[in-house]
């Protein structure tokens, strides 16, 4: 596997992990506080499909399917 494909697979894995964490947050409703600001739950609702779609797209690109 060349370096570009390996790079795509690594980023795909990181995005999949972010998708999973945010999906768990949307299911449980867990709070996230950055400094003194509470991050709204709707942020996770946006991140789940965006990061999930990007992860799937990167895997398909790395495997040569797209």
PDB file of N, CA and C in Angstrom:
ATOM      1  N   UNK A   1       0.854  -1.176   0.000  1.00  0.00           N
ATOM      2  CA  UNK A   1       0.000   0.000   0.000  1.00  0.00           C
ATOM      3  C   UNK A   1       0.892   1.228   0.000  1.00  0.00           C
ATOM      4  N   UNK A   2       0.627   2.147  -0.916  1.00  0.00           N
ATOM      5  CA  UNK A   2       1.473   3.335  -0.976  1.00  0.00           C
ATOM      6  C   UNK A   2       1.120   4.320   0.148  1.00  0.00           C
ATOM      7  N   UNK A   3       1.922   5.331   0.278  1.00  0.00           N
ATOM      8  CA  UNK A   3       1.769   6.276   1.397  1.00  0.00           C
ATOM      9  C   UNK A   3       0.456   7.042   1.358  1.00  0.00           C
ATOM     10  N   UNK A   4       0.014   7.390   0.147  1.00  0.00           N
ATOM     11  CA  UNK A   4      -1.234   8.149   0.033  1.00  0.00           C
ATOM     12  C   UNK A   4      -2.419   7.315   0.520  1.00  0.00           C
ATOM     13  N   UNK A   5      -2.467   6.068   0.142  1.00  0.00           N
ATOM     14  CA  UNK A   5      -3.557   5.203   0.587  1.00  0.00           C
ATOM     15  C   UNK A   5      -3.495   4.957   2.091  1.00  0.00           C
ATOM     16  N   UNK A   6      -2.311   4.789   2.610  1.00  0.00           N
ATOM     17  CA  UNK A   6      -2.152   4.608   4.049  1.00  0.00           C
ATOM     18  C   UNK A   6      -2.619   5.855   4.797  1.00  0.00           C
ATOM     19  N   UNK A   7      -2.264   7.027   4.271  1.00  0.00           N
ATOM     20  CA  UNK A   7      -2.698   8.295   4.853  1.00  0.00           C
ATOM     21  C   UNK A   7      -4.228   8.370   4.862  1.00  0.00           C
ATOM     22  N   UNK A   8      -4.863   7.982   3.780  1.00  0.00           N
ATOM     23  CA  UNK A   8      -6.322   8.004   3.704  1.00  0.00           C
ATOM     24  C   UNK A   8      -6.951   7.050   4.719  1.00  0.00           C
ATOM     25  N   UNK A   9      -6.360   5.892   4.905  1.00  0.00           N
ATOM     26  CA  UNK A   9      -6.909   4.929   5.853  1.00  0.00           C
ATOM     27  C   UNK A   9      -6.762   5.442   7.290  1.00  0.00           C
ATOM     28  N   UNK A  10      -5.644   6.082   7.614  1.00  0.00           N
ATOM     29  CA  UNK A  10      -5.468   6.640   8.956  1.00  0.00           C
ATOM     30  C   UNK A  10      -6.507   7.717   9.236  1.00  0.00           C
ATOM     31  N   UNK A  11      -6.682   8.646   8.297  1.00  0.00           N
ATOM     32  CA  UNK A  11      -7.672   9.709   8.490  1.00  0.00           C
ATOM     33  C   UNK A  11      -9.078   9.140   8.546  1.00  0.00           C
ATOM     34  N   UNK A  12      -9.326   8.113   7.762  1.00  0.00           N
ATOM     35  CA  UNK A  12     -10.634   7.471   7.805  1.00  0.00           C
ATOM     36  C   UNK A  12     -10.903   6.877   9.177  1.00  0.00           C
ATOM     37  N   UNK A  13      -9.906   6.263   9.774  1.00  0.00           N
ATOM     38  CA  UNK A  13     -10.054   5.699  11.113  1.00  0.00           C
ATOM     39  C   UNK A  13     -10.299   6.770  12.169  1.00  0.00           C
ATOM     40  N   UNK A  14      -9.589   7.890  12.058  1.00  0.00           N
ATOM     41  CA  UNK A  14      -9.799   8.993  13.006  1.00  0.00           C
ATOM     42  C   UNK A  14     -11.199   9.584  12.866  1.00  0.00           C
ATOM     43  N   UNK A  15     -11.667   9.739  11.634  1.00  0.00           N
ATOM     44  CA  UNK A  15     -13.016  10.258  11.423  1.00  0.00           C
ATOM     45  C   UNK A  15     -14.080   9.270  11.894  1.00  0.00           C
ATOM     46  N   UNK A  16     -13.813   7.976  11.704  1.00  0.00           N
ATOM     47  CA  UNK A  16     -14.758   6.970  12.200  1.00  0.00           C
ATOM     48  C   UNK A  16     -14.831   7.007  13.728  1.00  0.00           C
ATOM     49  N   UNK A  17     -13.703   7.195  14.379  1.00  0.00           N
ATOM     50  CA  UNK A  17     -13.699   7.301  15.843  1.00  0.00           C
ATOM     51  C   UNK A  17     -14.470   8.539  16.296  1.00  0.00           C
ATOM     52  N   UNK A  18     -14.284   9.655  15.607  1.00  0.00           N
ATOM     53  CA  UNK A  18     -15.025  10.876  15.945  1.00  0.00           C
ATOM     54  C   UNK A  18     -16.522  10.660  15.736  1.00  0.00           C
ATOM     55  N   UNK A  19     -16.880   9.968  14.666  1.00  0.00           N
ATOM     56  CA  UNK A  19     -18.290   9.662  14.414  1.00  0.00           C
ATOM     57  C   UNK A  19     -18.868   8.831  15.543  1.00  0.00           C
ATOM     58  N   UNK A  20     -18.142   7.818  15.961  1.00  0.00           N
ATOM     59  CA  UNK A  20     -18.616   6.933  17.025  1.00  0.00           C
ATOM     60  C   UNK A  20     -18.790   7.690  18.343  1.00  0.00           C
ATOM     61  N   UNK A  21     -17.820   8.521  18.688  1.00  0.00           N
ATOM     62  CA  UNK A  21     -17.889   9.278  19.943  1.00  0.00           C
ATOM     63  C   UNK A  21     -19.069  10.250  19.918  1.00  0.00           C
ATOM     64  N   UNK A  22     -19.253  10.931  18.817  1.00  0.00           N
ATOM     65  CA  UNK A  22     -20.361  11.879  18.734  1.00  0.00           C
ATOM     66  C   UNK A  22     -21.707  11.165  18.659  1.00  0.00           C
ATOM     67  N   UNK A  23     -21.746   9.990  18.056  1.00  0.00           N
ATOM     68  CA  UNK A  23     -22.981   9.210  18.051  1.00  0.00           C
ATOM     69  C   UNK A  23     -23.346   8.791  19.467  1.00  0.00           C
ATOM     70  N   UNK A  24     -22.352   8.353  20.237  1.00  0.00           N
ATOM     71  CA  UNK A  24     -22.609   8.030  21.643  1.00  0.00           C
ATOM     72  C   UNK A  24     -23.094   9.257  22.412  1.00  0.00           C
ATOM     73  N   UNK A  25     -22.509  10.402  22.113  1.00  0.00           N
ATOM     74  CA  UNK A  25     -22.941  11.622  22.796  1.00  0.00           C
ATOM     75  C   UNK A  25     -24.387  11.958  22.457  1.00  0.00           C
ATOM     76  N   UNK A  26     -24.786  11.783  21.205  1.00  0.00           N
ATOM     77  CA  UNK A  26     -26.166  12.091  20.840  1.00  0.00           C
ATOM     78  C   UNK A  26     -27.139  11.115  21.482  1.00  0.00           C
ATOM     79  N   UNK A  27     -26.737   9.880  21.646  1.00  0.00           N
ATOM     80  CA  UNK A  27     -27.610   8.880  22.266  1.00  0.00           C
ATOM     81  C   UNK A  27     -27.741   9.121  23.767  1.00  0.00           C
ATOM     82  N   UNK A  28     -26.622   9.394  24.421  1.00  0.00           N
ATOM     83  CA  UNK A  28     -26.646   9.556  25.880  1.00  0.00           C
ATOM     84  C   UNK A  28     -26.958  10.981  26.325  1.00  0.00           C
ATOM     85  N   UNK A  29     -26.736  11.949  25.449  1.00  0.00           N
ATOM     86  CA  UNK A  29     -26.968  13.345  25.822  1.00  0.00           C
ATOM     87  C   UNK A  29     -25.917  13.893  26.755  1.00  0.00           C
ATOM     88  N   UNK A  30     -24.734  13.309  26.711  1.00  0.00           N
ATOM     89  CA  UNK A  30     -23.654  13.732  27.603  1.00  0.00           C
ATOM     90  C   UNK A  30     -23.197  15.161  27.353  1.00  0.00           C
ATOM     91  N   UNK A  31     -22.883  15.878  28.411  1.00  0.00           N
ATOM     92  CA  UNK A  31     -22.433  17.268  28.252  1.00  0.00           C
ATOM     93  C   UNK A  31     -20.959  17.349  27.858  1.00  0.00           C
ATOM     94  N   UNK A  32     -20.640  18.378  27.097  1.00  0.00           N
ATOM     95  CA  UNK A  32     -19.254  18.681  26.756  1.00  0.00           C
ATOM     96  C   UNK A  32     -19.045  20.152  27.054  1.00  0.00           C
ATOM     97  N   UNK A  33     -18.024  20.445  27.854  1.00  0.00           N
ATOM     98  CA  UNK A  33     -17.722  21.825  28.213  1.00  0.00           C
ATOM     99  C   UNK A  33     -16.291  22.119  27.794  1.00  0.00           C
ATOM    100  N   UNK A  34     -16.127  23.176  27.014  1.00  0.00           N
ATOM    101  CA  UNK A  34     -14.801  23.621  26.593  1.00  0.00           C
ATOM    102  C   UNK A  34     -14.571  24.971  27.250  1.00  0.00           C
ATOM    103  N   UNK A  35     -13.677  24.985  28.208  1.00  0.00           N
ATOM    104  CA  UNK A  35     -13.469  26.201  28.984  1.00  0.00           C
ATOM    105  C   UNK A  35     -14.709  26.487  29.818  1.00  0.00           C
ATOM    106  N   UNK A  36     -15.315  27.618  29.572  1.00  0.00           N
ATOM    107  CA  UNK A  36     -16.541  27.962  30.297  1.00  0.00           C
ATOM    108  C   UNK A  36     -17.775  27.852  29.409  1.00  0.00           C
ATOM    109  N   UNK A  37     -17.599  27.359  28.177  1.00  0.00           N
ATOM    110  CA  UNK A  37     -18.706  27.277  27.224  1.00  0.00           C
ATOM    111  C   UNK A  37     -19.185  25.832  27.071  1.00  0.00           C
ATOM    112  N   UNK A  38     -20.481  25.619  27.202  1.00  0.00           N
ATOM    113  CA  UNK A  38     -21.069  24.299  26.979  1.00  0.00           C
ATOM    114  C   UNK A  38     -21.354  24.147  25.484  1.00  0.00           C
ATOM    115  N   UNK A  39     -20.866  23.051  24.891  1.00  0.00           N
ATOM    116  CA  UNK A  39     -21.076  22.796  23.469  1.00  0.00           C
ATOM    117  C   UNK A  39     -22.477  22.202  23.290  1.00  0.00           C
ATOM    118  N   UNK A  40     -23.299  22.797  22.416  1.00  0.00           N
ATOM    119  CA  UNK A  40     -24.658  22.293  22.230  1.00  0.00           C
ATOM    120  C   UNK A  40     -24.679  20.891  21.623  1.00  0.00           C
ATOM    121  N   UNK A  41     -25.705  20.136  21.937  1.00  0.00           N
ATOM    122  CA  UNK A  41     -25.840  18.772  21.427  1.00  0.00           C
ATOM    123  C   UNK A  41     -26.029  18.759  19.920  1.00  0.00           C
ATOM    124  N   UNK A  42     -26.606  19.803  19.351  1.00  0.00           N
ATOM    125  CA  UNK A  42     -26.837  19.835  17.904  1.00  0.00           C
ATOM    126  C   UNK A  42     -25.534  19.809  17.104  1.00  0.00           C
ATOM    127  N   UNK A  43     -24.429  20.201  17.731  1.00  0.00           N
ATOM    128  CA  UNK A  43     -23.127  20.119  17.060  1.00  0.00           C
ATOM    129  C   UNK A  43     -22.804  18.658  16.739  1.00  0.00           C
ATOM    130  N   UNK A  44     -23.090  17.767  17.673  1.00  0.00           N
ATOM    131  CA  UNK A  44     -22.838  16.349  17.439  1.00  0.00           C
ATOM    132  C   UNK A  44     -23.746  15.799  16.349  1.00  0.00           C
ATOM    133  N   UNK A  45     -24.973  16.309  16.261  1.00  0.00           N
ATOM    134  CA  UNK A  45     -25.889  15.852  15.208  1.00  0.00           C
ATOM    135  C   UNK A  45     -25.375  16.231  13.825  1.00  0.00           C
ATOM    136  N   UNK A  46     -24.616  17.295  13.742  1.00  0.00           N
ATOM    137  CA  UNK A  46     -24.027  17.702  12.464  1.00  0.00           C
ATOM    138  C   UNK A  46     -22.763  16.891  12.181  1.00  0.00           C
ATOM    139  N   UNK A  47     -21.963  16.658  13.203  1.00  0.00           N
ATOM    140  CA  UNK A  47     -20.684  15.973  13.022  1.00  0.00           C
ATOM    141  C   UNK A  47     -20.870  14.506  12.635  1.00  0.00           C
ATOM    142  N   UNK A  48     -21.888  13.836  13.172  1.00  0.00           N
ATOM    143  CA  UNK A  48     -22.073  12.406  12.895  1.00  0.00           C
ATOM    144  C   UNK A  48     -22.180  12.127  11.392  1.00  0.00           C
ATOM    145  N   UNK A  49     -23.104  12.735  10.645  1.00  0.00           N
ATOM    146  CA  UNK A  49     -23.168  12.397   9.216  1.00  0.00           C
ATOM    147  C   UNK A  49     -21.995  12.941   8.398  1.00  0.00           C
ATOM    148  N   UNK A  50     -21.483  14.107   8.789  1.00  0.00           N
ATOM    149  CA  UNK A  50     -20.379  14.697   8.026  1.00  0.00           C
ATOM    150  C   UNK A  50     -19.100  13.867   8.181  1.00  0.00           C
ATOM    151  N   UNK A  51     -18.717  13.569   9.413  1.00  0.00           N
ATOM    152  CA  UNK A  51     -17.502  12.784   9.650  1.00  0.00           C
ATOM    153  C   UNK A  51     -17.684  11.341   9.176  1.00  0.00           C
ATOM    154  N   UNK A  52     -18.873  10.791   9.365  1.00  0.00           N
ATOM    155  CA  UNK A  52     -19.132   9.432   8.893  1.00  0.00           C
ATOM    156  C   UNK A  52     -19.042   9.328   7.382  1.00  0.00           C
ATOM    157  N   UNK A  53     -19.634  10.298   6.695  1.00  0.00           N
ATOM    158  CA  UNK A  53     -19.561  10.307   5.227  1.00  0.00           C
ATOM    159  C   UNK A  53     -18.143  10.491   4.722  1.00  0.00           C
ATOM    160  N   UNK A  54     -17.402  11.373   5.361  1.00  0.00           N
ATOM    161  CA  UNK A  54     -16.005  11.590   4.962  1.00  0.00           C
ATOM    162  C   UNK A  54     -15.172  10.336   5.207  1.00  0.00           C
ATOM    163  N   UNK A  55     -15.441   9.633   6.298  1.00  0.00           N
ATOM    164  CA  UNK A  55     -14.716   8.401   6.600  1.00  0.00           C
ATOM    165  C   UNK A  55     -14.977   7.333   5.539  1.00  0.00           C
ATOM    166  N   UNK A  56     -16.242   7.162   5.196  1.00  0.00           N
ATOM    167  CA  UNK A  56     -16.590   6.172   4.158  1.00  0.00           C
ATOM    168  C   UNK A  56     -15.983   6.562   2.822  1.00  0.00           C
ATOM    169  N   UNK A  57     -16.029   7.845   2.494  1.00  0.00           N
ATOM    170  CA  UNK A  57     -15.470   8.305   1.227  1.00  0.00           C
ATOM    171  C   UNK A  57     -13.958   8.044   1.164  1.00  0.00           C
ATOM    172  N   UNK A  58     -13.248   8.314   2.266  1.00  0.00           N
ATOM    173  CA  UNK A  58     -11.802   8.078   2.283  1.00  0.00           C
ATOM    174  C   UNK A  58     -11.469   6.597   2.144  1.00  0.00           C
ATOM    175  N   UNK A  59     -12.242   5.720   2.791  1.00  0.00           N
ATOM    176  CA  UNK A  59     -11.995   4.284   2.650  1.00  0.00           C
ATOM    177  C   UNK A  59     -12.196   3.856   1.197  1.00  0.00           C
ATOM    178  N   UNK A  60     -13.264   4.348   0.582  1.00  0.00           N
ATOM    179  CA  UNK A  60     -13.524   3.976  -0.807  1.00  0.00           C
ATOM    180  C   UNK A  60     -12.417   4.488  -1.736  1.00  0.00           C
ATOM    181  N   UNK A  61     -11.927   5.699  -1.478  1.00  0.00           N
ATOM    182  CA  UNK A  61     -10.830   6.236  -2.273  1.00  0.00           C
ATOM    183  C   UNK A  61      -9.552   5.423  -2.090  1.00  0.00           C
ATOM    184  N   UNK A  62      -9.282   5.044  -0.861  1.00  0.00           N
ATOM    185  CA  UNK A  62      -8.064   4.288  -0.564  1.00  0.00           C
ATOM    186  C   UNK A  62      -8.108   2.902  -1.175  1.00  0.00           C
ATOM    187  N   UNK A  63      -9.289   2.308  -1.242  1.00  0.00           N
ATOM    188  CA  UNK A  63      -9.413   0.977  -1.817  1.00  0.00           C
ATOM    189  C   UNK A  63      -9.516   1.006  -3.328  1.00  0.00           C
ATOM    190  N   UNK A  64      -9.639   2.210  -3.908  1.00  0.00           N
ATOM    191  CA  UNK A  64      -9.700   2.330  -5.342  1.00  0.00           C
ATOM    192  C   UNK A  64     -11.088   2.141  -5.919  1.00  0.00           C
ATOM    193  N   UNK A  65     -12.129   2.295  -5.098  1.00  0.00           N
ATOM    194  CA  UNK A  65     -13.494   2.069  -5.558  1.00  0.00           C
ATOM    195  C   UNK A  65     -14.163   3.357  -6.021  1.00  0.00           C
ATOM    196  N   UNK A  66     -13.487   4.450  -5.991  1.00  0.00           N
ATOM    197  CA  UNK A  66     -14.192   5.669  -6.318  1.00  0.00           C
ATOM    198  C   UNK A  66     -13.365   6.686  -6.951  1.00  0.00           C
TER     199      UNK A  66
END
